Amino acid sequence: MEIHLIDGAGNDFYFPVNPDEISISRGKALETVNILSLGEYDFPAGEKVKEIAFSSFFPAVYDPGYCNYENLPDPQEAMNQLTAMMNGKSPVRLIVSGTAVNVLVTIAAHNSSFKGGEPGDVYFDLTARTWREMKVHTAASAAGASAKKSTRPDTKKPAKTYVVKSGDTLSKIAKLELGDSSKWQQIYKANQKTIGKDPNKIKPGQKLVMP
């Protein structure tokens, strides 16, 4: 079994001595609500963040009986690296070979201790919590999403127009555009503000809307 912590830059922190055991704590998140006259009630609120914990030590001297590799890190320097990972804002990947543990975590705590008769060795307890990306829905984004849903394509056809040419009359335009010269009155009603009181006095360049 190998235990690794890999940061976002790809730096691999390989623990030199395997722990006797690794514990994984799981639980169900509950929201407790105090209802007047009825007392407390628990409502499920999803899965809690998992905690992964183990204890081991950084030896000052290589021993083939329990060390995973020979080129050991300085125990104090190793503890400083763990502290830097704990204080960092980005998660690190925890991998325990031979198990299903291959997850992003944040180092919640690590404690170190020294024992008499073992100069240079540093013992530690480490607790990691599985990392979960926070998703925040703001009122603005919700309003934007609502606006997108309510926006529909405009299927209404644009009104057809006709630009008056020299020599045109409303009857002539009705025959050309509507296929019936008698429909000139419809054109006049739709464009009375543009034409004026006299339907016979249309002017070149006027834009008329076809009914």
C-alpha atoms as a PDB file:
ATOM      1  CA  MET A   1       0.000   0.000   0.000  1.00  0.00           C
ATOM      2  CA  GLU A   2       1.163   3.533  -0.830  1.00  0.00           C
ATOM      3  CA  ILE A   3      -0.265   6.839   0.396  1.00  0.00           C
ATOM      4  CA  HIS A   4       0.194   9.950  -1.745  1.00  0.00           C
ATOM      5  CA  LEU A   5      -0.896  13.575  -1.579  1.00  0.00           C
ATOM      6  CA  ILE A   6      -0.675  15.311  -4.972  1.00  0.00           C
ATOM      7  CA  ASP A   7      -1.204  19.068  -5.254  1.00  0.00           C
ATOM      8  CA  GLY A   8      -2.454  21.071  -8.216  1.00  0.00           C
ATOM      9  CA  ALA A   9       1.072  21.571  -9.539  1.00  0.00           C
ATOM     10  CA  GLY A  10       1.632  17.811  -9.684  1.00  0.00           C
ATOM     11  CA  ASN A  11       3.974  17.658  -6.671  1.00  0.00           C
ATOM     12  CA  ASP A  12       3.768  14.166  -5.155  1.00  0.00           C
ATOM     13  CA  PHE A  13       4.071  13.843  -1.376  1.00  0.00           C
ATOM     14  CA  TYR A  14       4.691  10.143  -0.703  1.00  0.00           C
ATOM     15  CA  PHE A  15       4.374   9.072   2.943  1.00  0.00           C
ATOM     16  CA  PRO A  16       7.455   7.016   3.862  1.00  0.00           C
ATOM     17  CA  VAL A  17       5.795   4.809   6.501  1.00  0.00           C
ATOM     18  CA  ASN A  18       2.363   3.243   6.198  1.00  0.00           C
ATOM     19  CA  PRO A  19      -0.047   3.704   9.123  1.00  0.00           C
ATOM     20  CA  ASP A  20      -1.412   0.748  11.055  1.00  0.00           C
ATOM     21  CA  GLU A  21      -4.911   1.722   9.965  1.00  0.00           C
ATOM     22  CA  ILE A  22      -6.868   4.337   8.015  1.00  0.00           C
ATOM     23  CA  SER A  23     -10.310   5.360   9.262  1.00  0.00           C
ATOM     24  CA  ILE A  24     -13.035   6.826   7.069  1.00  0.00           C
ATOM     25  CA  SER A  25     -15.985   8.516   8.773  1.00  0.00           C
ATOM     26  CA  ARG A  26     -19.267   8.846   6.919  1.00  0.00           C
ATOM     27  CA  GLY A  27     -22.493  10.357   8.112  1.00  0.00           C
ATOM     28  CA  LYS A  28     -25.811  11.805   7.099  1.00  0.00           C
ATOM     29  CA  ALA A  29     -26.279  15.526   7.440  1.00  0.00           C
ATOM     30  CA  LEU A  30     -29.353  16.477   9.429  1.00  0.00           C
ATOM     31  CA  GLU A  31     -30.964  19.863   9.917  1.00  0.00           C
ATOM     32  CA  THR A  32     -32.667  20.134  13.273  1.00  0.00           C
ATOM     33  CA  VAL A  33     -35.719  22.394  13.436  1.00  0.00           C
ATOM     34  CA  ASN A  34     -37.546  23.301  16.626  1.00  0.00           C
ATOM     35  CA  ILE A  35     -41.253  23.400  15.864  1.00  0.00           C
ATOM     36  CA  LEU A  36     -43.331  25.272  18.393  1.00  0.00           C
ATOM     37  CA  SER A  37     -45.286  22.949  20.713  1.00  0.00           C
ATOM     38  CA  LEU A  38     -44.042  19.886  18.822  1.00  0.00           C
ATOM     39  CA  GLY A  39     -40.359  19.902  19.798  1.00  0.00           C
ATOM     40  CA  GLU A  40     -37.296  19.160  17.678  1.00  0.00           C
ATOM     41  CA  TYR A  41     -37.431  17.410  14.293  1.00  0.00           C
ATOM     42  CA  ASP A  42     -34.523  16.242  12.138  1.00  0.00           C
ATOM     43  CA  PHE A  43     -34.679  16.759   8.376  1.00  0.00           C
ATOM     44  CA  PRO A  44     -32.143  15.017   6.112  1.00  0.00           C
ATOM     45  CA  ALA A  45     -29.880  17.510   4.292  1.00  0.00           C
ATOM     46  CA  GLY A  46     -27.703  15.239   2.133  1.00  0.00           C
ATOM     47  CA  GLU A  47     -24.458  13.416   2.793  1.00  0.00           C
ATOM     48  CA  LYS A  48     -21.880  14.839   5.153  1.00  0.00           C
ATOM     49  CA  VAL A  49     -18.334  15.469   4.027  1.00  0.00           C
ATOM     50  CA  LYS A  50     -16.263  12.317   4.639  1.00  0.00           C
ATOM     51  CA  GLU A  51     -13.328  12.425   7.021  1.00  0.00           C
ATOM     52  CA  ILE A  52     -10.242  10.291   6.364  1.00  0.00           C
ATOM     53  CA  ALA A  53      -7.765  10.006   9.223  1.00  0.00           C
ATOM     54  CA  PHE A  54      -4.560   8.104   9.943  1.00  0.00           C
ATOM     55  CA  SER A  55      -1.443   8.270  12.118  1.00  0.00           C
ATOM     56  CA  SER A  56       2.179   7.508  11.243  1.00  0.00           C
ATOM     57  CA  PHE A  57       5.637   9.042  11.566  1.00  0.00           C
ATOM     58  CA  PHE A  58       8.512  10.462   9.541  1.00  0.00           C
ATOM     59  CA  PRO A  59      11.700   8.568  10.388  1.00  0.00           C
ATOM     60  CA  ALA A  60      15.032  10.353  10.474  1.00  0.00           C
ATOM     61  CA  VAL A  61      16.886   7.170   9.427  1.00  0.00           C
ATOM     62  CA  TYR A  62      15.915   4.648   6.766  1.00  0.00           C
ATOM     63  CA  ASP A  63      14.898   1.211   7.982  1.00  0.00           C
ATOM     64  CA  PRO A  64      14.012  -1.430   5.338  1.00  0.00           C
ATOM     65  CA  GLY A  65      11.677  -3.076   7.833  1.00  0.00           C
ATOM     66  CA  TYR A  66       9.027  -0.364   7.572  1.00  0.00           C
ATOM     67  CA  CYS A  67      10.157   2.384   5.167  1.00  0.00           C
ATOM     68  CA  ASN A  68       8.646   2.473   1.674  1.00  0.00           C
ATOM     69  CA  TYR A  69      11.738   4.044   0.083  1.00  0.00           C
ATOM     70  CA  GLU A  70      15.309   4.977   0.930  1.00  0.00           C
ATOM     71  CA  ASN A  71      15.599   8.662   0.008  1.00  0.00           C
ATOM     72  CA  LEU A  72      13.617   9.899   3.003  1.00  0.00           C
ATOM     73  CA  PRO A  73      12.549  13.534   3.390  1.00  0.00           C
ATOM     74  CA  ASP A  74      13.767  15.466   6.395  1.00  0.00           C
ATOM     75  CA  PRO A  75      11.055  14.875   9.057  1.00  0.00           C
ATOM     76  CA  GLN A  76      10.702  18.546   9.922  1.00  0.00           C
ATOM     77  CA  GLU A  77      10.639  19.550   6.255  1.00  0.00           C
ATOM     78  CA  ALA A  78       7.958  16.918   5.626  1.00  0.00           C
ATOM     79  CA  MET A  79       5.804  18.408   8.383  1.00  0.00           C
ATOM     80  CA  ASN A  80       6.277  21.867   6.858  1.00  0.00           C
ATOM     81  CA  GLN A  81       4.997  20.541   3.520  1.00  0.00           C
ATOM     82  CA  LEU A  82       1.897  19.135   5.191  1.00  0.00           C
ATOM     83  CA  THR A  83       1.336  22.492   6.902  1.00  0.00           C
ATOM     84  CA  ALA A  84       1.629  24.300   3.560  1.00  0.00           C
ATOM     85  CA  MET A  85      -0.946  21.927   2.027  1.00  0.00           C
ATOM     86  CA  MET A  86      -3.256  22.444   4.997  1.00  0.00           C
ATOM     87  CA  ASN A  87      -3.064  26.234   4.724  1.00  0.00           C
ATOM     88  CA  GLY A  88      -3.430  26.250   0.937  1.00  0.00           C
ATOM     89  CA  LYS A  89      -6.747  27.280  -0.599  1.00  0.00           C
ATOM     90  CA  SER A  90      -6.772  24.553  -3.246  1.00  0.00           C
ATOM     91  CA  PRO A  91      -7.619  20.893  -2.590  1.00  0.00           C
ATOM     92  CA  VAL A  92      -5.078  18.094  -2.959  1.00  0.00           C
ATOM     93  CA  ARG A  93      -5.635  14.571  -4.209  1.00  0.00           C
ATOM     94  CA  LEU A  94      -5.341  11.764  -1.663  1.00  0.00           C
ATOM     95  CA  ILE A  95      -4.536   8.359  -3.158  1.00  0.00           C
ATOM     96  CA  VAL A  96      -4.268   5.145  -1.165  1.00  0.00           C
ATOM     97  CA  SER A  97      -3.169   2.370  -3.501  1.00  0.00           C
ATOM     98  CA  GLY A  98      -5.015  -0.917  -3.201  1.00  0.00           C
ATOM     99  CA  THR A  99      -8.164   0.841  -1.964  1.00  0.00           C
ATOM    100  CA  ALA A 100     -10.956   2.918  -3.463  1.00  0.00           C
ATOM    101  CA  VAL A 101      -9.535   6.116  -1.937  1.00  0.00           C
ATOM    102  CA  ASN A 102      -8.662   8.485  -4.802  1.00  0.00           C
ATOM    103  CA  VAL A 103     -10.349  11.771  -3.931  1.00  0.00           C
ATOM    104  CA  LEU A 104      -9.811  15.508  -3.659  1.00  0.00           C
ATOM    105  CA  VAL A 105      -9.444  16.573  -0.038  1.00  0.00           C
ATOM    106  CA  THR A 106      -8.527  19.456   2.179  1.00  0.00           C
ATOM    107  CA  ILE A 107      -6.249  18.754   5.117  1.00  0.00           C
ATOM    108  CA  ALA A 108      -8.362  19.725   8.095  1.00  0.00           C
ATOM    109  CA  ALA A 109      -5.723  19.138  10.800  1.00  0.00           C
ATOM    110  CA  HIS A 110      -2.439  17.474  11.532  1.00  0.00           C
ATOM    111  CA  ASN A 111      -0.716  17.179  14.884  1.00  0.00           C
ATOM    112  CA  SER A 112       2.916  16.310  15.476  1.00  0.00           C
ATOM    113  CA  SER A 113       4.718  14.845  18.479  1.00  0.00           C
ATOM    114  CA  PHE A 114       8.213  13.743  19.466  1.00  0.00           C
ATOM    115  CA  LYS A 115       9.150  10.686  21.488  1.00  0.00           C
ATOM    116  CA  GLY A 116      12.111  10.241  23.812  1.00  0.00           C
ATOM    117  CA  GLY A 117      14.669   7.725  22.634  1.00  0.00           C
ATOM    118  CA  GLU A 118      13.852   8.335  18.945  1.00  0.00           C
ATOM    119  CA  PRO A 119      15.738  11.553  18.151  1.00  0.00           C
ATOM    120  CA  GLY A 120      14.771  13.177  14.870  1.00  0.00           C
ATOM    121  CA  ASP A 121      11.624  11.135  14.273  1.00  0.00           C
ATOM    122  CA  VAL A 122       8.357  13.087  14.023  1.00  0.00           C
ATOM    123  CA  TYR A 123       5.034  11.374  14.750  1.00  0.00           C
ATOM    124  CA  PHE A 124       1.820  12.840  13.369  1.00  0.00           C
ATOM    125  CA  ASP A 125      -1.967  12.466  13.203  1.00  0.00           C
ATOM    126  CA  LEU A 126      -3.612  13.674   9.992  1.00  0.00           C
ATOM    127  CA  THR A 127      -7.283  14.346   9.208  1.00  0.00           C
ATOM    128  CA  ALA A 128      -8.490  15.066   5.679  1.00  0.00           C
ATOM    129  CA  ARG A 129     -11.995  16.001   4.567  1.00  0.00           C
ATOM    130  CA  THR A 130     -13.345  15.257   1.110  1.00  0.00           C
ATOM    131  CA  TRP A 131     -13.594  18.418  -0.946  1.00  0.00           C
ATOM    132  CA  ARG A 132     -16.857  19.520  -2.501  1.00  0.00           C
ATOM    133  CA  GLU A 133     -17.145  22.387  -4.971  1.00  0.00           C
ATOM    134  CA  MET A 134     -19.498  25.098  -3.828  1.00  0.00           C
ATOM    135  CA  LYS A 135     -22.240  26.087  -6.274  1.00  0.00           C
ATOM    136  CA  VAL A 136     -23.890  29.403  -5.566  1.00  0.00           C
ATOM    137  CA  HIS A 137     -27.032  30.488  -7.384  1.00  0.00           C
ATOM    138  CA  THR A 138     -27.412  34.252  -7.218  1.00  0.00           C
ATOM    139  CA  ALA A 139     -30.617  36.189  -7.749  1.00  0.00           C
ATOM    140  CA  ALA A 140     -29.085  37.788 -10.839  1.00  0.00           C
ATOM    141  CA  SER A 141     -28.239  34.457 -12.432  1.00  0.00           C
ATOM    142  CA  ALA A 142     -31.684  33.118 -11.569  1.00  0.00           C
ATOM    143  CA  ALA A 143     -33.284  36.173 -13.147  1.00  0.00           C
ATOM    144  CA  GLY A 144     -31.074  35.739 -16.207  1.00  0.00           C
ATOM    145  CA  ALA A 145     -32.081  32.112 -16.519  1.00  0.00           C
ATOM    146  CA  SER A 146     -35.725  33.074 -16.163  1.00  0.00           C
ATOM    147  CA  ALA A 147     -35.336  35.731 -18.845  1.00  0.00           C
ATOM    148  CA  LYS A 148     -33.746  33.215 -21.188  1.00  0.00           C
ATOM    149  CA  LYS A 149     -36.607  30.780 -20.659  1.00  0.00           C
ATOM    150  CA  SER A 150     -39.238  33.447 -21.255  1.00  0.00           C
ATOM    151  CA  THR A 151     -37.587  34.813 -24.393  1.00  0.00           C
ATOM    152  CA  ARG A 152     -39.278  33.432 -27.475  1.00  0.00           C
ATOM    153  CA  PRO A 153     -38.409  34.023 -31.104  1.00  0.00           C
ATOM    154  CA  ASP A 154     -40.589  36.605 -32.827  1.00  0.00           C
ATOM    155  CA  THR A 155     -42.537  34.669 -35.448  1.00  0.00           C
ATOM    156  CA  LYS A 156     -44.602  37.681 -36.514  1.00  0.00           C
ATOM    157  CA  LYS A 157     -43.920  38.579 -40.146  1.00  0.00           C
ATOM    158  CA  PRO A 158     -42.737  42.155 -40.747  1.00  0.00           C
ATOM    159  CA  ALA A 159     -45.250  44.383 -42.523  1.00  0.00           C
ATOM    160  CA  LYS A 160     -44.762  44.706 -46.280  1.00  0.00           C
ATOM    161  CA  THR A 161     -44.120  48.244 -47.518  1.00  0.00           C
ATOM    162  CA  TYR A 162     -44.185  50.019 -50.859  1.00  0.00           C
ATOM    163  CA  VAL A 163     -42.266  53.156 -51.851  1.00  0.00           C
ATOM    164  CA  VAL A 164     -44.333  55.485 -54.020  1.00  0.00           C
ATOM    165  CA  LYS A 165     -42.916  56.196 -57.477  1.00  0.00           C
ATOM    166  CA  SER A 166     -43.650  59.010 -59.880  1.00  0.00           C
ATOM    167  CA  GLY A 167     -46.981  58.433 -61.663  1.00  0.00           C
ATOM    168  CA  ASP A 168     -48.338  56.049 -59.006  1.00  0.00           C
ATOM    169  CA  THR A 169     -51.916  56.136 -57.761  1.00  0.00           C
ATOM    170  CA  LEU A 170     -53.462  54.162 -54.938  1.00  0.00           C
ATOM    171  CA  SER A 171     -55.483  52.147 -57.463  1.00  0.00           C
ATOM    172  CA  LYS A 172     -52.357  51.305 -59.404  1.00  0.00           C
ATOM    173  CA  ILE A 173     -50.500  50.286 -56.237  1.00  0.00           C
ATOM    174  CA  ALA A 174     -53.497  48.172 -55.081  1.00  0.00           C
ATOM    175  CA  LYS A 175     -53.537  46.351 -58.419  1.00  0.00           C
ATOM    176  CA  LEU A 176     -49.770  45.777 -58.342  1.00  0.00           C
ATOM    177  CA  GLU A 177     -49.396  44.764 -54.679  1.00  0.00           C
ATOM    178  CA  LEU A 178     -52.807  43.339 -53.756  1.00  0.00           C
ATOM    179  CA  GLY A 179     -54.021  42.128 -57.154  1.00  0.00           C
ATOM    180  CA  ASP A 180     -57.189  44.248 -57.014  1.00  0.00           C
ATOM    181  CA  SER A 181     -57.341  47.959 -57.798  1.00  0.00           C
ATOM    182  CA  SER A 182     -60.541  48.319 -55.755  1.00  0.00           C
ATOM    183  CA  LYS A 183     -58.542  47.697 -52.569  1.00  0.00           C
ATOM    184  CA  TRP A 184     -56.984  51.163 -52.780  1.00  0.00           C
ATOM    185  CA  GLN A 185     -59.226  52.255 -49.871  1.00  0.00           C
ATOM    186  CA  GLN A 186     -57.587  49.633 -47.609  1.00  0.00           C
ATOM    187  CA  ILE A 187     -54.182  51.081 -48.464  1.00  0.00           C
ATOM    188  CA  TYR A 188     -55.473  54.576 -47.783  1.00  0.00           C
ATOM    189  CA  LYS A 189     -56.910  53.624 -44.356  1.00  0.00           C
ATOM    190  CA  ALA A 190     -53.613  51.987 -43.334  1.00  0.00           C
ATOM    191  CA  ASN A 191     -51.587  55.061 -44.412  1.00  0.00           C
ATOM    192  CA  GLN A 192     -53.958  57.984 -43.861  1.00  0.00           C
ATOM    193  CA  LYS A 193     -51.521  59.796 -41.562  1.00  0.00           C
ATOM    194  CA  THR A 194     -48.782  59.575 -44.196  1.00  0.00           C
ATOM    195  CA  ILE A 195     -50.942  60.477 -47.213  1.00  0.00           C
ATOM    196  CA  GLY A 196     -53.155  63.140 -45.645  1.00  0.00           C
ATOM    197  CA  LYS A 197     -56.808  64.019 -46.267  1.00  0.00           C
ATOM    198  CA  ASP A 198     -56.702  63.600 -50.052  1.00  0.00           C
ATOM    199  CA  PRO A 199     -56.011  59.997 -51.201  1.00  0.00           C
ATOM    200  CA  ASN A 200     -55.169  61.288 -54.675  1.00  0.00           C
ATOM    201  CA  LYS A 201     -52.212  63.310 -53.450  1.00  0.00           C
ATOM    202  CA  ILE A 202     -49.565  60.672 -52.805  1.00  0.00           C
ATOM    203  CA  LYS A 203     -45.974  61.750 -53.304  1.00  0.00           C
ATOM    204  CA  PRO A 204     -42.935  59.913 -54.704  1.00  0.00           C
ATOM    205  CA  GLY A 205     -40.720  58.584 -51.871  1.00  0.00           C
ATOM    206  CA  GLN A 206     -43.555  58.000 -49.411  1.00  0.00           C
ATOM    207  CA  LYS A 207     -43.380  54.578 -47.760  1.00  0.00           C
ATOM    208  CA  LEU A 208     -46.772  52.955 -47.559  1.00  0.00           C
ATOM    209  CA  VAL A 209     -47.641  49.928 -45.433  1.00  0.00           C
ATOM    210  CA  MET A 210     -49.588  47.259 -47.287  1.00  0.00           C
ATOM    211  CA  PRO A 211     -52.681  45.915 -45.447  1.00  0.00           C
END
